[in-house]
Every structure is written in structure tokens, then in C-alpha cells.
Amino acid sequence: MSHDISVELLSDGVSYWDGGGAFGLVPRVKWMRLLPPDDLNRVPQDLRCVLIRDHGRNILVDGGVGDKPNEVRAAQYEVHRPNGTLIDDLARHGLGRADIEMVIFTHLHGDHSGWATECVEPGVSGAYQPTFPRARYYVQRQEYEDATHSNERTRNTYFAENFTPLLRQGLLTLLDGPADITPDVRVVPTPGHTAGHQSVIVATPEAPTLILGDLATYMIQFARLPWVTAYDVLPMQTIESKRYWQQWSLEHEAVLISPHDTLIPTGKLVKDKKGFLQVIPTP
């Protein structure tokens, strides 16, 4: 394990989602004490992305909602960007589009893959190009297949213009299970939210970092097995995935990164004196 690696948080803004969707079967009276909803019953979700600097290589994990015009997307995502977009945040970290060499998608939902491509000719069908022109993109093959063969439940969560141009241009690598992206960065299947969902493990110096993706939208959902979103297509599989990675996280004292939690962006899973699990924030 090398010490020449770092992990930094990025954001594409904050979106607002129905609390019932975010917390599924968990009664409102329980989750609202932790995350009070607004007058429209919405709760905030950070559009968090992750920058991995690995031996001089810049790796981006997930890509926010992007900026493409789309009526369905606009109806789903009310996004506030007081600090600008993901591209603005990359600039604050001293990076431009051409500096990103790899992009890893935990999955291809519209709030995770939006900046994969850009619209270069508004109103012209198919006029999309990769946002990061020097990058190789990675996703599970199962995820790509599901994203390109959506059904009545999933079709409004996938937007083909975010990812099909990448495959056409030979920039997208389809993975079949666990894979080493670099010697220090590894992807592992964590199915449940989608069948082809994956999370990312980074061999950071003090302890490994686990980038959850939507294995758990909020840290409380990682700590509590039954707390599953209404958006998970395989909720019982989500529970089993969490069960395994809970134990792994405890054994490795891993740093966890949440995709959407506005209160605990990073944390560690611990067991209290009564044996209950909770995620405590880390700096």
C-alpha cells in the first residue's frame, strides 16, 4: 500500500427528494427526527462525487446530475448550487476537464452520471461528447445492460445520453465483478440499489476508504440494515450487501464516504456498548 494517494470530496450541489422515497418503509415519525423534511416533505441530498489522487493520476468517482436540458430530469431534481457545479469544484481543486484520467460510476442513475457527457449542440439529437476527454470510464456490465434496457420502474432514472456515447466512442470499460482499477483502487459489487451497483475501495494510508455509492444513501441506512430506500430495485439484496460490508468495515476500521448525506459526509462504523451499530463522523 502506497502513501502517495488521497481522497477528496467534491459536490455538484444539493438536490431535494421526497422523504418517503429516501426512507422507504421506515415510518416518517422515525426518520424526520434525524432529518426534518421541508413543507413539501422533501429532504436534502448532497450530490457528492469523490476525487482520488493516485500517484499523479486523477480519478473521479460519480458525476452528479450535470447540466443537460431534460424535462424529466428537471421534474425529478430540484438542485441548488450556491457553490457552483462539479466542474467548478474541480477547478477549486486545481483541475480541469482534461486532468481527469479515469471515471468510475457506482451506477448510472441520473444523479450519479450527469457530467459523464456534455451537450455540444442543444436541440441536436446525439450531439454529446465526453466531459472528460482524456478519461477512461468504468461501470459494471450488468449496470450498463439494465440502464440500456430499462422498464416501467427504472426508465426515469436512466438517461441514455449520459453513457451510451461513451460506449460508442470506445471509452467505457464494462466490468464483470470485482476489479482492480489501479493497484490502490478497487471496485466491488454491492447489489441492491441496482443489480449492477458497485462500491469503490481505496487503499488510503491509515485505513481503507469505502466509497459507498447508493449502497446507503445516508449513513444511518448503512448502520441500520432494515433502513432501505424505496428506490432500491432489490431491497433484500441491499440488506445482504450491507450486512457483508458492515462486517468488513468494522474489521478494517474503514473510512466511509456517503454519496448524499448532508450531515455525515464521511464516518466510521462502530459498535456501542449495547452492541448497536452507528456511524460516527470523521474529519
Protein backbone atom coordinates (compact mmCIF):
# COMPACT_ATOMS: atom_id res chain seq x y z
CA MET A 1 0.00 0.00 0.00
CA SER A 2 1.38 3.37 -1.02
CA HIS A 3 1.06 6.63 0.89
CA ASP A 4 1.01 8.59 -2.37
CA ILE A 5 -2.78 8.57 -2.55
CA SER A 6 -5.50 10.87 -1.28
CA VAL A 7 -9.29 11.13 -1.32
CA GLU A 8 -11.13 14.47 -1.56
CA LEU A 9 -14.85 15.25 -1.55
CA LEU A 10 -16.50 17.14 -4.41
CA SER A 11 -20.07 18.30 -4.94
CA ASP A 12 -22.40 19.05 -7.83
CA GLY A 13 -24.83 20.81 -5.50
CA VAL A 14 -27.68 19.70 -3.26
CA SER A 15 -30.87 18.06 -4.53
CA TYR A 16 -34.21 17.68 -2.77
CA TRP A 17 -36.11 14.39 -2.76
CA ASP A 18 -39.33 13.14 -1.24
CA GLY A 19 -38.61 11.79 2.23
CA GLY A 20 -40.79 8.76 1.66
CA GLY A 21 -38.70 7.79 -1.33
CA ALA A 22 -35.46 8.28 0.56
CA PHE A 23 -36.52 6.22 3.58
CA GLY A 24 -38.93 3.69 2.10
CA LEU A 25 -40.80 1.67 4.72
CA VAL A 26 -39.23 3.49 7.67
CA PRO A 27 -42.06 5.45 9.38
CA ARG A 28 -41.86 9.18 8.89
CA VAL A 29 -42.03 9.75 12.64
CA LYS A 30 -38.67 7.96 12.97
CA TRP A 31 -36.64 9.46 10.15
CA MET A 32 -37.95 13.02 10.49
CA ARG A 33 -36.28 13.36 13.90
CA LEU A 34 -32.96 12.72 12.21
CA LEU A 35 -33.55 14.70 9.03
CA PRO A 36 -36.51 17.10 9.26
CA PRO A 37 -38.29 17.47 5.89
CA ASP A 38 -39.38 20.76 4.36
CA ASP A 39 -43.01 21.80 3.77
CA LEU A 40 -43.15 19.56 0.68
CA ASN A 41 -41.88 16.53 2.65
CA ARG A 42 -38.52 16.74 0.90
CA VAL A 43 -35.11 16.00 2.39
CA PRO A 44 -31.74 17.28 1.12
CA GLN A 45 -29.22 15.05 -0.59
CA ASP A 46 -25.74 16.23 -1.44
CA LEU A 47 -24.71 15.35 -4.98
CA ARG A 48 -21.36 14.13 -3.75
CA CYS A 49 -18.57 12.98 -6.01
CA VAL A 50 -15.09 11.86 -4.98
CA LEU A 51 -11.68 12.78 -6.32
CA ILE A 52 -8.93 10.19 -5.86
CA ARG A 53 -5.37 11.36 -6.48
CA ASP A 54 -3.37 8.19 -7.06
CA HIS A 55 0.33 8.52 -7.90
CA GLY A 56 -0.33 11.59 -10.01
CA ARG A 57 -3.46 10.15 -11.65
CA ASN A 58 -6.78 11.88 -11.08
CA ILE A 59 -9.74 9.54 -10.68
CA LEU A 60 -13.32 10.75 -10.35
CA VAL A 61 -15.99 8.62 -8.69
CA ASP A 62 -19.50 9.51 -9.92
CA GLY A 63 -20.59 12.58 -11.78
CA GLY A 64 -23.57 14.39 -10.25
CA VAL A 65 -26.57 15.49 -12.34
CA GLY A 66 -24.68 17.51 -14.94
CA ASP A 67 -26.23 20.37 -16.87
CA LYS A 68 -28.07 18.81 -19.82
CA PRO A 69 -31.58 20.12 -20.58
CA ASN A 70 -34.17 17.42 -19.90
CA GLU A 71 -37.77 17.89 -18.76
CA VAL A 72 -37.93 14.57 -16.92
CA ARG A 73 -34.69 15.28 -15.10
CA ALA A 74 -35.81 18.78 -14.20
CA ALA A 75 -39.01 17.38 -12.68
CA GLN A 76 -37.03 14.93 -10.56
CA TYR A 77 -34.12 17.04 -9.37
CA GLU A 78 -34.53 20.42 -7.77
CA VAL A 79 -30.88 21.30 -7.45
CA HIS A 80 -29.37 24.18 -5.51
CA ARG A 81 -25.81 25.14 -6.40
CA PRO A 82 -24.66 28.02 -4.21
CA ASN A 83 -21.05 26.95 -4.82
CA GLY A 84 -21.45 26.05 -8.48
CA THR A 85 -21.21 22.73 -10.25
CA LEU A 86 -18.89 19.74 -10.06
CA ILE A 87 -16.77 21.40 -12.76
CA ASP A 88 -16.44 24.50 -10.57
CA ASP A 89 -15.45 22.34 -7.60
CA LEU A 90 -12.81 20.55 -9.66
CA ALA A 91 -11.42 23.96 -10.59
CA ARG A 92 -11.17 24.86 -6.90
CA HIS A 93 -9.05 21.74 -6.55
CA GLY A 94 -6.81 22.91 -9.38
CA LEU A 95 -8.18 20.57 -12.02
CA GLY A 96 -9.84 20.99 -15.41
CA ARG A 97 -11.74 18.54 -17.58
CA ALA A 98 -8.61 17.25 -19.29
CA ASP A 99 -6.93 16.44 -15.97
CA ILE A 100 -9.33 13.59 -15.15
CA GLU A 101 -7.90 10.27 -16.37
CA MET A 102 -10.46 7.80 -15.03
CA VAL A 103 -14.13 7.99 -14.08
CA ILE A 104 -15.74 5.23 -12.01
CA PHE A 105 -19.53 5.04 -11.82
CA THR A 106 -21.04 3.33 -8.79
CA HIS A 107 -24.14 3.13 -11.02
CA LEU A 108 -25.69 5.06 -13.90
CA HIS A 109 -28.67 6.81 -12.32
CA GLY A 110 -29.06 10.38 -13.48
CA ASP A 111 -27.77 11.89 -10.24
CA HIS A 112 -24.50 9.94 -10.50
CA SER A 113 -23.62 10.09 -14.20
CA GLY A 114 -24.75 13.52 -15.37
CA TRP A 115 -21.31 15.01 -16.01
CA ALA A 116 -20.08 11.98 -17.95
CA THR A 117 -21.05 13.77 -21.16
CA GLU A 118 -21.91 17.29 -22.28
CA CYS A 119 -24.36 18.56 -24.86
CA VAL A 120 -22.35 20.37 -27.53
CA GLU A 121 -25.27 21.28 -29.80
CA PRO A 122 -28.51 21.91 -27.87
CA GLY A 123 -31.52 20.67 -29.78
CA VAL A 124 -29.50 18.33 -31.98
CA SER A 125 -30.09 14.65 -31.30
CA GLY A 126 -26.94 12.74 -30.39
CA ALA A 127 -24.80 15.86 -30.02
CA TYR A 128 -22.97 14.71 -26.89
CA GLN A 129 -19.30 14.39 -26.14
CA PRO A 130 -17.35 13.17 -23.09
CA THR A 131 -16.95 15.87 -20.47
CA PHE A 132 -13.53 14.49 -19.54
CA PRO A 133 -11.86 13.97 -22.93
CA ARG A 134 -8.81 12.03 -21.69
CA ALA A 135 -10.68 9.73 -19.32
CA ARG A 136 -11.44 6.03 -19.43
CA TYR A 137 -14.84 5.31 -17.82
CA TYR A 138 -15.73 2.20 -15.75
CA VAL A 139 -19.04 0.60 -14.78
CA GLN A 140 -20.36 -2.91 -14.20
CA ARG A 141 -21.63 -4.63 -17.34
CA GLN A 142 -24.85 -5.58 -15.51
CA GLU A 143 -25.47 -1.92 -14.72
CA TYR A 144 -24.99 -0.86 -18.33
CA GLU A 145 -27.31 -3.60 -19.56
CA ASP A 146 -30.02 -2.57 -17.10
CA ALA A 147 -29.55 1.11 -17.90
CA THR A 148 -29.97 0.48 -21.63
CA HIS A 149 -32.91 -1.92 -21.16
CA SER A 150 -34.95 -0.08 -18.57
CA ASN A 151 -38.50 -0.91 -17.55
CA GLU A 152 -41.53 1.00 -16.29
CA ARG A 153 -39.98 1.45 -12.87
CA THR A 154 -36.45 2.41 -13.90
CA ARG A 155 -36.78 4.33 -17.17
CA ASN A 156 -37.00 7.74 -15.47
CA THR A 157 -33.79 7.12 -13.52
CA TYR A 158 -31.55 6.42 -16.51
CA PHE A 159 -30.74 8.93 -19.26
CA ALA A 160 -29.02 7.31 -22.24
CA GLU A 161 -27.23 10.49 -23.30
CA ASN A 162 -25.14 10.22 -20.12
CA PHE A 163 -23.50 6.93 -21.02
CA THR A 164 -24.29 5.46 -24.46
CA PRO A 165 -21.97 7.95 -26.25
CA LEU A 166 -19.10 6.65 -24.10
CA LEU A 167 -19.55 3.08 -25.31
CA ARG A 168 -19.96 4.19 -28.94
CA GLN A 169 -16.68 6.08 -28.72
CA GLY A 170 -14.85 3.16 -27.10
CA LEU A 171 -14.27 4.97 -23.81
CA LEU A 172 -16.37 2.81 -21.48
CA THR A 173 -15.00 -0.34 -19.87
CA LEU A 174 -17.67 -2.83 -18.80
CA LEU A 175 -16.64 -4.82 -15.74
CA ASP A 176 -17.76 -8.27 -14.65
CA GLY A 177 -17.45 -8.31 -10.89
CA PRO A 178 -14.59 -7.12 -8.66
CA ALA A 179 -11.77 -5.38 -10.48
CA ASP A 180 -8.56 -3.51 -9.75
CA ILE A 181 -8.71 -0.14 -11.48
CA THR A 182 -5.23 0.69 -10.18
CA PRO A 183 -3.09 -1.11 -7.58
CA ASP A 184 -4.68 1.11 -4.92
CA VAL A 185 -8.24 1.47 -6.24
CA ARG A 186 -10.63 -1.46 -6.47
CA VAL A 187 -14.33 -1.82 -7.30
CA VAL A 188 -16.57 -4.41 -5.65
CA PRO A 189 -20.16 -5.36 -6.50
CA THR A 190 -22.68 -4.14 -3.91
CA PRO A 191 -26.04 -5.04 -5.49
CA GLY A 192 -29.40 -3.93 -4.19
CA HIS A 193 -29.99 -0.33 -5.12
CA THR A 194 -29.49 -1.65 -8.64
CA ALA A 195 -28.48 -5.15 -9.66
CA GLY A 196 -25.19 -3.87 -11.08
CA HIS A 197 -24.30 -1.40 -8.35
CA GLN A 198 -20.66 -1.25 -7.25
CA SER A 199 -18.72 0.49 -4.48
CA VAL A 200 -15.10 1.63 -4.51
CA ILE A 201 -12.30 0.71 -2.10
CA VAL A 202 -9.26 2.97 -1.89
CA ALA A 203 -6.09 1.82 -0.12
CA THR A 204 -5.58 5.03 1.84
CA PRO A 205 -2.66 5.03 4.33
CA GLU A 206 -4.28 4.91 7.78
CA ALA A 207 -7.23 2.66 6.87
CA PRO A 208 -9.04 1.74 3.67
CA THR A 209 -11.72 4.08 2.37
CA LEU A 210 -15.03 2.63 1.20
CA ILE A 211 -16.96 4.87 -1.18
CA LEU A 212 -20.46 3.52 -0.64
CA GLY A 213 -22.37 4.86 -3.60
CA ASP A 214 -26.06 4.20 -3.09
CA LEU A 215 -25.42 1.06 -1.06
CA ALA A 216 -26.67 3.52 1.57
CA THR A 217 -27.99 6.97 0.72
CA TYR A 218 -27.45 8.18 4.28
CA MET A 219 -25.05 6.88 6.91
CA ILE A 220 -27.95 5.88 9.16
CA GLN A 221 -29.04 3.48 6.44
CA PHE A 222 -25.63 1.81 6.42
CA ALA A 223 -25.78 1.33 10.20
CA ARG A 224 -29.37 0.03 10.24
CA LEU A 225 -29.90 -2.97 7.99
CA PRO A 226 -33.69 -2.63 7.53
CA TRP A 227 -33.48 1.03 6.51
CA VAL A 228 -33.64 0.80 2.72
CA THR A 229 -34.81 3.41 0.22
CA ALA A 230 -37.94 3.00 -1.86
CA TYR A 231 -35.74 3.33 -4.94
CA ASP A 232 -33.80 0.09 -4.38
CA VAL A 233 -34.86 -2.44 -7.01
CA LEU A 234 -33.62 -5.37 -4.89
CA PRO A 235 -34.19 -4.28 -1.28
CA MET A 236 -33.48 -7.66 0.30
CA GLN A 237 -30.23 -7.81 -1.64
CA THR A 238 -29.39 -4.34 -0.34
CA ILE A 239 -29.74 -5.68 3.19
CA GLU A 240 -27.42 -8.61 2.48
CA SER A 241 -24.87 -6.34 0.79
CA LYS A 242 -24.92 -4.02 3.79
CA ARG A 243 -24.59 -6.95 6.19
CA TYR A 244 -21.37 -8.08 4.50
CA TRP A 245 -19.83 -4.63 4.18
CA GLN A 246 -20.77 -3.67 7.73
CA GLN A 247 -18.61 -6.53 8.98
CA TRP A 248 -15.82 -5.66 6.55
CA SER A 249 -15.91 -2.02 7.66
CA LEU A 250 -15.69 -2.96 11.32
CA GLU A 251 -12.81 -5.38 10.74
CA HIS A 252 -10.82 -2.88 8.67
CA GLU A 253 -11.85 0.26 10.60
CA ALA A 254 -12.66 1.69 7.20
CA VAL A 255 -13.45 5.31 6.45
CA LEU A 256 -16.87 5.51 4.80
CA ILE A 257 -17.93 8.11 2.24
CA SER A 258 -21.63 8.73 1.70
CA PRO A 259 -23.00 9.82 -1.68
CA HIS A 260 -25.75 12.05 -0.34
CA ASP A 261 -25.60 12.54 3.45
CA THR A 262 -25.52 16.27 4.22
CA LEU A 263 -24.78 15.73 7.93
CA ILE A 264 -22.14 12.96 7.89
CA PRO A 265 -20.22 13.04 4.61
CA THR A 266 -17.51 10.74 6.00
CA GLY A 267 -17.52 8.48 9.01
CA LYS A 268 -16.60 5.18 10.64
CA LEU A 269 -18.90 2.37 11.64
CA VAL A 270 -18.61 1.50 15.33
CA LYS A 271 -20.44 -0.73 17.79
CA ASP A 272 -21.64 0.91 21.00
CA LYS A 273 -21.70 -0.65 24.48
CA LYS A 274 -25.11 -2.18 23.83
CA GLY A 275 -23.96 -3.76 20.58
CA PHE A 276 -25.78 -1.34 18.28
CA LEU A 277 -24.04 -0.01 15.19
CA GLN A 278 -23.69 3.66 14.35
CA VAL A 279 -21.59 5.80 12.06
CA ILE A 280 -19.55 8.46 13.80
CA PRO A 281 -18.30 11.43 11.76
CA THR A 282 -14.64 11.67 10.79
CA PRO A 283 -12.78 14.90 9.95
